[in-house]
Amino acid sequence: MILYKQKLVSQVAKVASLSQKDTHKVVKAVLEGVQSGLQKDGEVQIFGFGTFFVRSLPARAGRNPRTGEKLQLPASRKVAFRYGKDLVKAVNGE
């Protein structure tokens, strides 16, 4: 299931009995909070759900899959997610 931001807003508004406008502000604030936390601290933990964290990848050799040409990939930072126990239990129907 692909969950677009607007669909998330609609689902949260329905469950929380809030207006779409207010819910949009809340969802936007949460997502900006996660983004800001990752930029500042490199990790955002939501208890019962999971942890978003920044993973640093070193520069490495790669290759273009179309041409086979070798190239150097620069060091980068990626966002990763470590799921929490409660999320796993919910997915497994426990």
PDB file of N, CA and C in Angstrom:
ATOM      1  N   MET A   1       0.843  -1.175   0.000  1.00  0.00           N
ATOM      2  CA  MET A   1       0.000   0.000   0.000  1.00  0.00           C
ATOM      3  C   MET A   1       0.888   1.238   0.000  1.00  0.00           C
ATOM      4  N   ILE A   2       0.651   2.102  -0.928  1.00  0.00           N
ATOM      5  CA  ILE A   2       1.364   3.373  -0.985  1.00  0.00           C
ATOM      6  C   ILE A   2       0.530   4.384  -0.212  1.00  0.00           C
ATOM      7  N   LEU A   3       1.161   5.027   0.753  1.00  0.00           N
ATOM      8  CA  LEU A   3       0.448   5.988   1.586  1.00  0.00           C
ATOM      9  C   LEU A   3       0.962   7.390   1.274  1.00  0.00           C
ATOM     10  N   TYR A   4       0.198   8.107   0.485  1.00  0.00           N
ATOM     11  CA  TYR A   4       0.559   9.474   0.177  1.00  0.00           C
ATOM     12  C   TYR A   4       0.251  10.357   1.376  1.00  0.00           C
ATOM     13  N   LYS A   5       0.902  11.493   1.437  1.00  0.00           N
ATOM     14  CA  LYS A   5       0.735  12.399   2.575  1.00  0.00           C
ATOM     15  C   LYS A   5      -0.734  12.767   2.771  1.00  0.00           C
ATOM     16  N   GLN A   6      -1.449  13.063   1.690  1.00  0.00           N
ATOM     17  CA  GLN A   6      -2.853  13.459   1.820  1.00  0.00           C
ATOM     18  C   GLN A   6      -3.712  12.305   2.338  1.00  0.00           C
ATOM     19  N   LYS A   7      -3.394  11.088   1.927  1.00  0.00           N
ATOM     20  CA  LYS A   7      -4.147   9.934   2.424  1.00  0.00           C
ATOM     21  C   LYS A   7      -3.865   9.732   3.917  1.00  0.00           C
ATOM     22  N   LEU A   8      -2.625   9.944   4.320  1.00  0.00           N
ATOM     23  CA  LEU A   8      -2.279   9.872   5.740  1.00  0.00           C
ATOM     24  C   LEU A   8      -3.049  10.923   6.522  1.00  0.00           C
ATOM     25  N   VAL A   9      -3.118  12.131   6.003  1.00  0.00           N
ATOM     26  CA  VAL A   9      -3.870  13.210   6.645  1.00  0.00           C
ATOM     27  C   VAL A   9      -5.331  12.802   6.799  1.00  0.00           C
ATOM     28  N   SER A  10      -5.915  12.240   5.753  1.00  0.00           N
ATOM     29  CA  SER A  10      -7.326  11.822   5.805  1.00  0.00           C
ATOM     30  C   SER A  10      -7.554  10.750   6.854  1.00  0.00           C
ATOM     31  N   GLN A  11      -6.644   9.764   6.916  1.00  0.00           N
ATOM     32  CA  GLN A  11      -6.801   8.684   7.896  1.00  0.00           C
ATOM     33  C   GLN A  11      -6.653   9.198   9.322  1.00  0.00           C
ATOM     34  N   VAL A  12      -5.673  10.049   9.555  1.00  0.00           N
ATOM     35  CA  VAL A  12      -5.463  10.598  10.898  1.00  0.00           C
ATOM     36  C   VAL A  12      -6.640  11.490  11.292  1.00  0.00           C
ATOM     37  N   ALA A  13      -7.133  12.298  10.375  1.00  0.00           N
ATOM     38  CA  ALA A  13      -8.271  13.176  10.657  1.00  0.00           C
ATOM     39  C   ALA A  13      -9.491  12.359  11.055  1.00  0.00           C
ATOM     40  N   LYS A  14      -9.707  11.262  10.364  1.00  0.00           N
ATOM     41  CA  LYS A  14     -10.856  10.400  10.643  1.00  0.00           C
ATOM     42  C   LYS A  14     -10.742   9.768  12.035  1.00  0.00           C
ATOM     43  N   VAL A  15      -9.566   9.232  12.347  1.00  0.00           N
ATOM     44  CA  VAL A  15      -9.358   8.563  13.637  1.00  0.00           C
ATOM     45  C   VAL A  15      -9.379   9.557  14.790  1.00  0.00           C
ATOM     46  N   ALA A  16      -8.771  10.728  14.588  1.00  0.00           N
ATOM     47  CA  ALA A  16      -8.644  11.711  15.659  1.00  0.00           C
ATOM     48  C   ALA A  16      -9.819  12.685  15.730  1.00  0.00           C
ATOM     49  N   SER A  17     -10.744  12.568  14.807  1.00  0.00           N
ATOM     50  CA  SER A  17     -11.903  13.483  14.740  1.00  0.00           C
ATOM     51  C   SER A  17     -11.463  14.944  14.679  1.00  0.00           C
ATOM     52  N   LEU A  18     -10.519  15.202  13.775  1.00  0.00           N
ATOM     53  CA  LEU A  18     -10.018  16.559  13.550  1.00  0.00           C
ATOM     54  C   LEU A  18     -10.351  16.979  12.130  1.00  0.00           C
ATOM     55  N   SER A  19     -10.284  18.276  11.888  1.00  0.00           N
ATOM     56  CA  SER A  19     -10.494  18.757  10.525  1.00  0.00           C
ATOM     57  C   SER A  19      -9.277  18.404   9.674  1.00  0.00           C
ATOM     58  N   GLN A  20      -9.493  18.346   8.365  1.00  0.00           N
ATOM     59  CA  GLN A  20      -8.391  18.072   7.443  1.00  0.00           C
ATOM     60  C   GLN A  20      -7.301  19.136   7.572  1.00  0.00           C
ATOM     61  N   LYS A  21      -7.724  20.380   7.734  1.00  0.00           N
ATOM     62  CA  LYS A  21      -6.769  21.496   7.821  1.00  0.00           C
ATOM     63  C   LYS A  21      -5.885  21.358   9.058  1.00  0.00           C
ATOM     64  N   ASP A  22      -6.499  21.079  10.223  1.00  0.00           N
ATOM     65  CA  ASP A  22      -5.724  20.916  11.454  1.00  0.00           C
ATOM     66  C   ASP A  22      -4.827  19.684  11.386  1.00  0.00           C
ATOM     67  N   THR A  23      -5.363  18.607  10.839  1.00  0.00           N
ATOM     68  CA  THR A  23      -4.583  17.372  10.733  1.00  0.00           C
ATOM     69  C   THR A  23      -3.399  17.559   9.803  1.00  0.00           C
ATOM     70  N   HIS A  24      -3.585  18.300   8.724  1.00  0.00           N
ATOM     71  CA  HIS A  24      -2.480  18.561   7.798  1.00  0.00           C
ATOM     72  C   HIS A  24      -1.348  19.284   8.520  1.00  0.00           C
ATOM     73  N   LYS A  25      -1.686  20.246   9.376  1.00  0.00           N
ATOM     74  CA  LYS A  25      -0.670  20.967  10.153  1.00  0.00           C
ATOM     75  C   LYS A  25       0.070  20.018  11.086  1.00  0.00           C
ATOM     76  N   VAL A  26      -0.663  19.102  11.719  1.00  0.00           N
ATOM     77  CA  VAL A  26      -0.055  18.149  12.652  1.00  0.00           C
ATOM     78  C   VAL A  26       0.887  17.203  11.909  1.00  0.00           C
ATOM     79  N   VAL A  27       0.418  16.614  10.813  1.00  0.00           N
ATOM     80  CA  VAL A  27       1.250  15.682  10.045  1.00  0.00           C
ATOM     81  C   VAL A  27       2.487  16.393   9.511  1.00  0.00           C
ATOM     82  N   LYS A  28       2.311  17.599   9.003  1.00  0.00           N
ATOM     83  CA  LYS A  28       3.439  18.376   8.497  1.00  0.00           C
ATOM     84  C   LYS A  28       4.456  18.644   9.607  1.00  0.00           C
ATOM     85  N   ALA A  29       3.973  18.989  10.799  1.00  0.00           N
ATOM     86  CA  ALA A  29       4.866  19.256  11.936  1.00  0.00           C
ATOM     87  C   ALA A  29       5.633  18.001  12.345  1.00  0.00           C
ATOM     88  N   VAL A  30       4.961  16.857  12.346  1.00  0.00           N
ATOM     89  CA  VAL A  30       5.629  15.598  12.711  1.00  0.00           C
ATOM     90  C   VAL A  30       6.718  15.268  11.699  1.00  0.00           C
ATOM     91  N   LEU A  31       6.401  15.340  10.420  1.00  0.00           N
ATOM     92  CA  LEU A  31       7.385  15.018   9.392  1.00  0.00           C
ATOM     93  C   LEU A  31       8.557  15.998   9.407  1.00  0.00           C
ATOM     94  N   GLU A  32       8.281  17.277   9.622  1.00  0.00           N
ATOM     95  CA  GLU A  32       9.362  18.262   9.729  1.00  0.00           C
ATOM     96  C   GLU A  32      10.196  18.016  10.974  1.00  0.00           C
ATOM     97  N   GLY A  33       9.554  17.568  12.055  1.00  0.00           N
ATOM     98  CA  GLY A  33      10.282  17.238  13.281  1.00  0.00           C
ATOM     99  C   GLY A  33      11.235  16.076  13.080  1.00  0.00           C
ATOM    100  N   VAL A  34      10.790  15.059  12.349  1.00  0.00           N
ATOM    101  CA  VAL A  34      11.662  13.915  12.049  1.00  0.00           C
ATOM    102  C   VAL A  34      12.834  14.387  11.196  1.00  0.00           C
ATOM    103  N   GLN A  35      12.550  15.167  10.168  1.00  0.00           N
ATOM    104  CA  GLN A  35      13.600  15.670   9.289  1.00  0.00           C
ATOM    105  C   GLN A  35      14.599  16.536  10.054  1.00  0.00           C
ATOM    106  N   SER A  36      14.105  17.424  10.897  1.00  0.00           N
ATOM    107  CA  SER A  36      14.966  18.301  11.685  1.00  0.00           C
ATOM    108  C   SER A  36      15.817  17.500  12.666  1.00  0.00           C
ATOM    109  N   GLY A  37      15.207  16.514  13.314  1.00  0.00           N
ATOM    110  CA  GLY A  37      15.942  15.667  14.256  1.00  0.00           C
ATOM    111  C   GLY A  37      17.060  14.898  13.581  1.00  0.00           C
ATOM    112  N   LEU A  38      16.799  14.410  12.377  1.00  0.00           N
ATOM    113  CA  LEU A  38      17.839  13.691  11.641  1.00  0.00           C
ATOM    114  C   LEU A  38      18.979  14.625  11.257  1.00  0.00           C
ATOM    115  N   GLN A  39      18.649  15.849  10.875  1.00  0.00           N
ATOM    116  CA  GLN A  39      19.683  16.818  10.505  1.00  0.00           C
ATOM    117  C   GLN A  39      20.536  17.201  11.707  1.00  0.00           C
ATOM    118  N   LYS A  40      19.907  17.392  12.866  1.00  0.00           N
ATOM    119  CA  LYS A  40      20.631  17.852  14.051  1.00  0.00           C
ATOM    120  C   LYS A  40      21.332  16.724  14.793  1.00  0.00           C
ATOM    121  N   ASP A  41      20.587  15.663  15.101  1.00  0.00           N
ATOM    122  CA  ASP A  41      21.091  14.604  15.978  1.00  0.00           C
ATOM    123  C   ASP A  41      21.462  13.321  15.245  1.00  0.00           C
ATOM    124  N   GLY A  42      20.989  13.160  14.032  1.00  0.00           N
ATOM    125  CA  GLY A  42      21.284  11.946  13.281  1.00  0.00           C
ATOM    126  C   GLY A  42      20.408  10.775  13.658  1.00  0.00           C
ATOM    127  N   GLU A  43      19.429  10.985  14.556  1.00  0.00           N
ATOM    128  CA  GLU A  43      18.557   9.893  14.980  1.00  0.00           C
ATOM    129  C   GLU A  43      17.272  10.446  15.577  1.00  0.00           C
ATOM    130  N   VAL A  44      16.155   9.800  15.236  1.00  0.00           N
ATOM    131  CA  VAL A  44      14.860  10.142  15.808  1.00  0.00           C
ATOM    132  C   VAL A  44      14.192   8.837  16.219  1.00  0.00           C
ATOM    133  N   GLN A  45      13.914   8.705  17.503  1.00  0.00           N
ATOM    134  CA  GLN A  45      13.302   7.480  18.017  1.00  0.00           C
ATOM    135  C   GLN A  45      11.853   7.758  18.391  1.00  0.00           C
ATOM    136  N   ILE A  46      10.950   6.958  17.837  1.00  0.00           N
ATOM    137  CA  ILE A  46       9.532   7.035  18.175  1.00  0.00           C
ATOM    138  C   ILE A  46       9.211   5.734  18.906  1.00  0.00           C
ATOM    139  N   PHE A  47       9.092   5.814  20.224  1.00  0.00           N
ATOM    140  CA  PHE A  47       8.892   4.623  21.033  1.00  0.00           C
ATOM    141  C   PHE A  47       7.654   3.869  20.590  1.00  0.00           C
ATOM    142  N   GLY A  48       7.791   2.553  20.470  1.00  0.00           N
ATOM    143  CA  GLY A  48       6.693   1.707  20.040  1.00  0.00           C
ATOM    144  C   GLY A  48       6.567   1.611  18.532  1.00  0.00           C
ATOM    145  N   PHE A  49       7.323   2.393  17.808  1.00  0.00           N
ATOM    146  CA  PHE A  49       7.253   2.370  16.349  1.00  0.00           C
ATOM    147  C   PHE A  49       8.603   2.001  15.746  1.00  0.00           C
ATOM    148  N   GLY A  50       9.627   2.818  16.015  1.00  0.00           N
ATOM    149  CA  GLY A  50      10.948   2.529  15.477  1.00  0.00           C
ATOM    150  C   GLY A  50      11.853   3.737  15.543  1.00  0.00           C
ATOM    151  N   THR A  51      13.013   3.585  14.931  1.00  0.00           N
ATOM    152  CA  THR A  51      14.029   4.624  14.971  1.00  0.00           C
ATOM    153  C   THR A  51      14.496   4.939  13.559  1.00  0.00           C
ATOM    154  N   PHE A  52      14.445   6.215  13.199  1.00  0.00           N
ATOM    155  CA  PHE A  52      15.032   6.698  11.959  1.00  0.00           C
ATOM    156  C   PHE A  52      16.447   7.149  12.304  1.00  0.00           C
ATOM    157  N   PHE A  53      17.418   6.799  11.474  1.00  0.00           N
ATOM    158  CA  PHE A  53      18.779   7.231  11.750  1.00  0.00           C
ATOM    159  C   PHE A  53      19.526   7.456  10.449  1.00  0.00           C
ATOM    160  N   VAL A  54      20.607   8.229  10.561  1.00  0.00           N
ATOM    161  CA  VAL A  54      21.437   8.546   9.401  1.00  0.00           C
ATOM    162  C   VAL A  54      22.607   7.575   9.372  1.00  0.00           C
ATOM    163  N   ARG A  55      22.812   6.987   8.218  1.00  0.00           N
ATOM    164  CA  ARG A  55      23.918   6.047   8.020  1.00  0.00           C
ATOM    165  C   ARG A  55      24.883   6.681   7.028  1.00  0.00           C
ATOM    166  N   SER A  56      26.156   6.742   7.400  1.00  0.00           N
ATOM    167  CA  SER A  56      27.181   7.297   6.510  1.00  0.00           C
ATOM    168  C   SER A  56      27.773   6.186   5.659  1.00  0.00           C
ATOM    169  N   LEU A  57      27.837   6.429   4.372  1.00  0.00           N
ATOM    170  CA  LEU A  57      28.441   5.471   3.451  1.00  0.00           C
ATOM    171  C   LEU A  57      29.750   6.056   2.933  1.00  0.00           C
ATOM    172  N   PRO A  58      30.825   5.278   2.965  1.00  0.00           N
ATOM    173  CA  PRO A  58      32.105   5.790   2.482  1.00  0.00           C
ATOM    174  C   PRO A  58      32.127   5.871   0.951  1.00  0.00           C
ATOM    175  N   ALA A  59      33.070   6.631   0.429  1.00  0.00           N
ATOM    176  CA  ALA A  59      33.280   6.670  -1.017  1.00  0.00           C
ATOM    177  C   ALA A  59      33.660   5.266  -1.465  1.00  0.00           C
ATOM    178  N   ARG A  60      33.195   4.880  -2.646  1.00  0.00           N
ATOM    179  CA  ARG A  60      33.469   3.518  -3.096  1.00  0.00           C
ATOM    180  C   ARG A  60      33.472   3.463  -4.620  1.00  0.00           C
ATOM    181  N   ALA A  61      34.019   2.383  -5.117  1.00  0.00           N
ATOM    182  CA  ALA A  61      34.042   2.161  -6.561  1.00  0.00           C
ATOM    183  C   ALA A  61      32.701   1.566  -6.980  1.00  0.00           C
ATOM    184  N   GLY A  62      32.216   1.980  -8.124  1.00  0.00           N
ATOM    185  CA  GLY A  62      30.975   1.443  -8.659  1.00  0.00           C
ATOM    186  C   GLY A  62      31.106   1.295 -10.153  1.00  0.00           C
ATOM    187  N   ARG A  63      29.972   0.927 -10.783  1.00  0.00           N
ATOM    188  CA  ARG A  63      30.015   0.844 -12.240  1.00  0.00           C
ATOM    189  C   ARG A  63      28.643   1.178 -12.793  1.00  0.00           C
ATOM    190  N   ASN A  64      28.656   1.750 -13.975  1.00  0.00           N
ATOM    191  CA  ASN A  64      27.424   2.092 -14.668  1.00  0.00           C
ATOM    192  C   ASN A  64      26.833   0.787 -15.207  1.00  0.00           C
ATOM    193  N   PRO A  65      25.611   0.414 -14.788  1.00  0.00           N
ATOM    194  CA  PRO A  65      25.054  -0.868 -15.230  1.00  0.00           C
ATOM    195  C   PRO A  65      24.762  -0.927 -16.736  1.00  0.00           C
ATOM    196  N   ARG A  66      24.572   0.204 -17.372  1.00  0.00           N
ATOM    197  CA  ARG A  66      24.303   0.210 -18.818  1.00  0.00           C
ATOM    198  C   ARG A  66      25.564   0.005 -19.650  1.00  0.00           C
ATOM    199  N   THR A  67      26.631   0.705 -19.247  1.00  0.00           N
ATOM    200  CA  THR A  67      27.844   0.684 -20.071  1.00  0.00           C
ATOM    201  C   THR A  67      28.954  -0.174 -19.479  1.00  0.00           C
ATOM    202  N   GLY A  68      28.843  -0.481 -18.185  1.00  0.00           N
ATOM    203  CA  GLY A  68      29.909  -1.231 -17.530  1.00  0.00           C
ATOM    204  C   GLY A  68      31.090  -0.359 -17.143  1.00  0.00           C
ATOM    205  N   GLU A  69      30.997   0.937 -17.422  1.00  0.00           N
ATOM    206  CA  GLU A  69      32.078   1.871 -17.117  1.00  0.00           C
ATOM    207  C   GLU A  69      32.265   1.978 -15.607  1.00  0.00           C
ATOM    208  N   LYS A  70      33.522   1.913 -15.159  1.00  0.00           N
ATOM    209  CA  LYS A  70      33.819   2.049 -13.737  1.00  0.00           C
ATOM    210  C   LYS A  70      33.790   3.523 -13.374  1.00  0.00           C
ATOM    211  N   LEU A  71      33.281   3.817 -12.170  1.00  0.00           N
ATOM    212  CA  LEU A  71      33.255   5.187 -11.695  1.00  0.00           C
ATOM    213  C   LEU A  71      33.398   5.208 -10.185  1.00  0.00           C
ATOM    214  N   GLN A  72      33.735   6.365  -9.667  1.00  0.00           N
ATOM    215  CA  GLN A  72      33.926   6.532  -8.228  1.00  0.00           C
ATOM    216  C   GLN A  72      32.675   7.174  -7.641  1.00  0.00           C
ATOM    217  N   LEU A  73      32.045   6.516  -6.689  1.00  0.00           N
ATOM    218  CA  LEU A  73      30.869   7.051  -6.014  1.00  0.00           C
ATOM    219  C   LEU A  73      31.328   7.819  -4.780  1.00  0.00           C
ATOM    220  N   PRO A  74      30.859   9.046  -4.603  1.00  0.00           N
ATOM    221  CA  PRO A  74      31.296   9.849  -3.453  1.00  0.00           C
ATOM    222  C   PRO A  74      30.680   9.337  -2.146  1.00  0.00           C
ATOM    223  N   ALA A  75      31.275   9.732  -1.037  1.00  0.00           N
ATOM    224  CA  ALA A  75      30.706   9.410   0.275  1.00  0.00           C
ATOM    225  C   ALA A  75      29.338  10.076   0.369  1.00  0.00           C
ATOM    226  N   SER A  76      28.428   9.437   1.078  1.00  0.00           N
ATOM    227  CA  SER A  76      27.083   9.991   1.197  1.00  0.00           C
ATOM    228  C   SER A  76      26.461   9.597   2.529  1.00  0.00           C
ATOM    229  N   ARG A  77      25.334  10.202   2.807  1.00  0.00           N
ATOM    230  CA  ARG A  77      24.577   9.886   4.017  1.00  0.00           C
ATOM    231  C   ARG A  77      23.191   9.433   3.585  1.00  0.00           C
ATOM    232  N   LYS A  78      22.707   8.348   4.179  1.00  0.00           N
ATOM    233  CA  LYS A  78      21.404   7.782   3.847  1.00  0.00           C
ATOM    234  C   LYS A  78      20.563   7.691   5.105  1.00  0.00           C
ATOM    235  N   VAL A  79      19.251   7.815   4.936  1.00  0.00           N
ATOM    236  CA  VAL A  79      18.333   7.636   6.056  1.00  0.00           C
ATOM    237  C   VAL A  79      17.939   6.164   6.100  1.00  0.00           C
ATOM    238  N   ALA A  80      18.007   5.584   7.280  1.00  0.00           N
ATOM    239  CA  ALA A  80      17.632   4.186   7.475  1.00  0.00           C
ATOM    240  C   ALA A  80      16.595   4.113   8.591  1.00  0.00           C
ATOM    241  N   PHE A  81      15.955   2.971   8.719  1.00  0.00           N
ATOM    242  CA  PHE A  81      14.900   2.790   9.720  1.00  0.00           C
ATOM    243  C   PHE A  81      15.089   1.448  10.397  1.00  0.00           C
ATOM    244  N   ARG A  82      15.044   1.458  11.724  1.00  0.00           N
ATOM    245  CA  ARG A  82      15.103   0.243  12.532  1.00  0.00           C
ATOM    246  C   ARG A  82      13.744   0.120  13.224  1.00  0.00           C
ATOM    247  N   TYR A  83      12.997  -0.911  12.899  1.00  0.00           N
ATOM    248  CA  TYR A  83      11.640  -1.057  13.435  1.00  0.00           C
ATOM    249  C   TYR A  83      11.655  -1.446  14.904  1.00  0.00           C
ATOM    250  N   GLY A  84      10.581  -1.055  15.603  1.00  0.00           N
ATOM    251  CA  GLY A  84      10.431  -1.366  17.015  1.00  0.00           C
ATOM    252  C   GLY A  84       9.631  -2.646  17.220  1.00  0.00           C
ATOM    253  N   LYS A  85       9.713  -3.194  18.425  1.00  0.00           N
ATOM    254  CA  LYS A  85       9.028  -4.457  18.752  1.00  0.00           C
ATOM    255  C   LYS A  85       7.519  -4.343  18.602  1.00  0.00           C
ATOM    256  N   ASP A  86       6.951  -3.222  19.030  1.00  0.00           N
ATOM    257  CA  ASP A  86       5.501  -3.049  18.937  1.00  0.00           C
ATOM    258  C   ASP A  86       5.030  -3.039  17.484  1.00  0.00           C
ATOM    259  N   LEU A  87       5.807  -2.460  16.593  1.00  0.00           N
ATOM    260  CA  LEU A  87       5.459  -2.438  15.180  1.00  0.00           C
ATOM    261  C   LEU A  87       5.482  -3.845  14.613  1.00  0.00           C
ATOM    262  N   VAL A  88       6.467  -4.628  14.979  1.00  0.00           N
ATOM    263  CA  VAL A  88       6.568  -6.008  14.514  1.00  0.00           C
ATOM    264  C   VAL A  88       5.380  -6.829  15.016  1.00  0.00           C
ATOM    265  N   LYS A  89       5.027  -6.639  16.273  1.00  0.00           N
ATOM    266  CA  LYS A  89       3.882  -7.357  16.824  1.00  0.00           C
ATOM    267  C   LYS A  89       2.595  -6.986  16.094  1.00  0.00           C
ATOM    268  N   ALA A  90       2.415  -5.712  15.790  1.00  0.00           N
ATOM    269  CA  ALA A  90       1.216  -5.266  15.077  1.00  0.00           C
ATOM    270  C   ALA A  90       1.151  -5.873  13.680  1.00  0.00           C
ATOM    271  N   VAL A  91       2.278  -5.915  13.003  1.00  0.00           N
ATOM    272  CA  VAL A  91       2.315  -6.482  11.651  1.00  0.00           C
ATOM    273  C   VAL A  91       2.023  -7.979  11.673  1.00  0.00           C
ATOM    274  N   ASN A  92       2.497  -8.652  12.710  1.00  0.00           N
ATOM    275  CA  ASN A  92       2.293 -10.089  12.831  1.00  0.00           C
ATOM    276  C   ASN A  92       0.964 -10.461  13.478  1.00  0.00           C
ATOM    277  N   GLY A  93       0.154  -9.463  13.823  1.00  0.00           N
ATOM    278  CA  GLY A  93      -1.156  -9.728  14.394  1.00  0.00           C
ATOM    279  C   GLY A  93      -1.133 -10.218  15.827  1.00  0.00           C
ATOM    280  N   GLU A  94      -0.103  -9.893  16.543  1.00  0.00           N
ATOM    281  CA  GLU A  94       0.009 -10.331  17.949  1.00  0.00           C
ATOM    282  C   GLU A  94      -0.644  -9.343  18.881  1.00  0.00           C
TER     283      GLU A  94
END
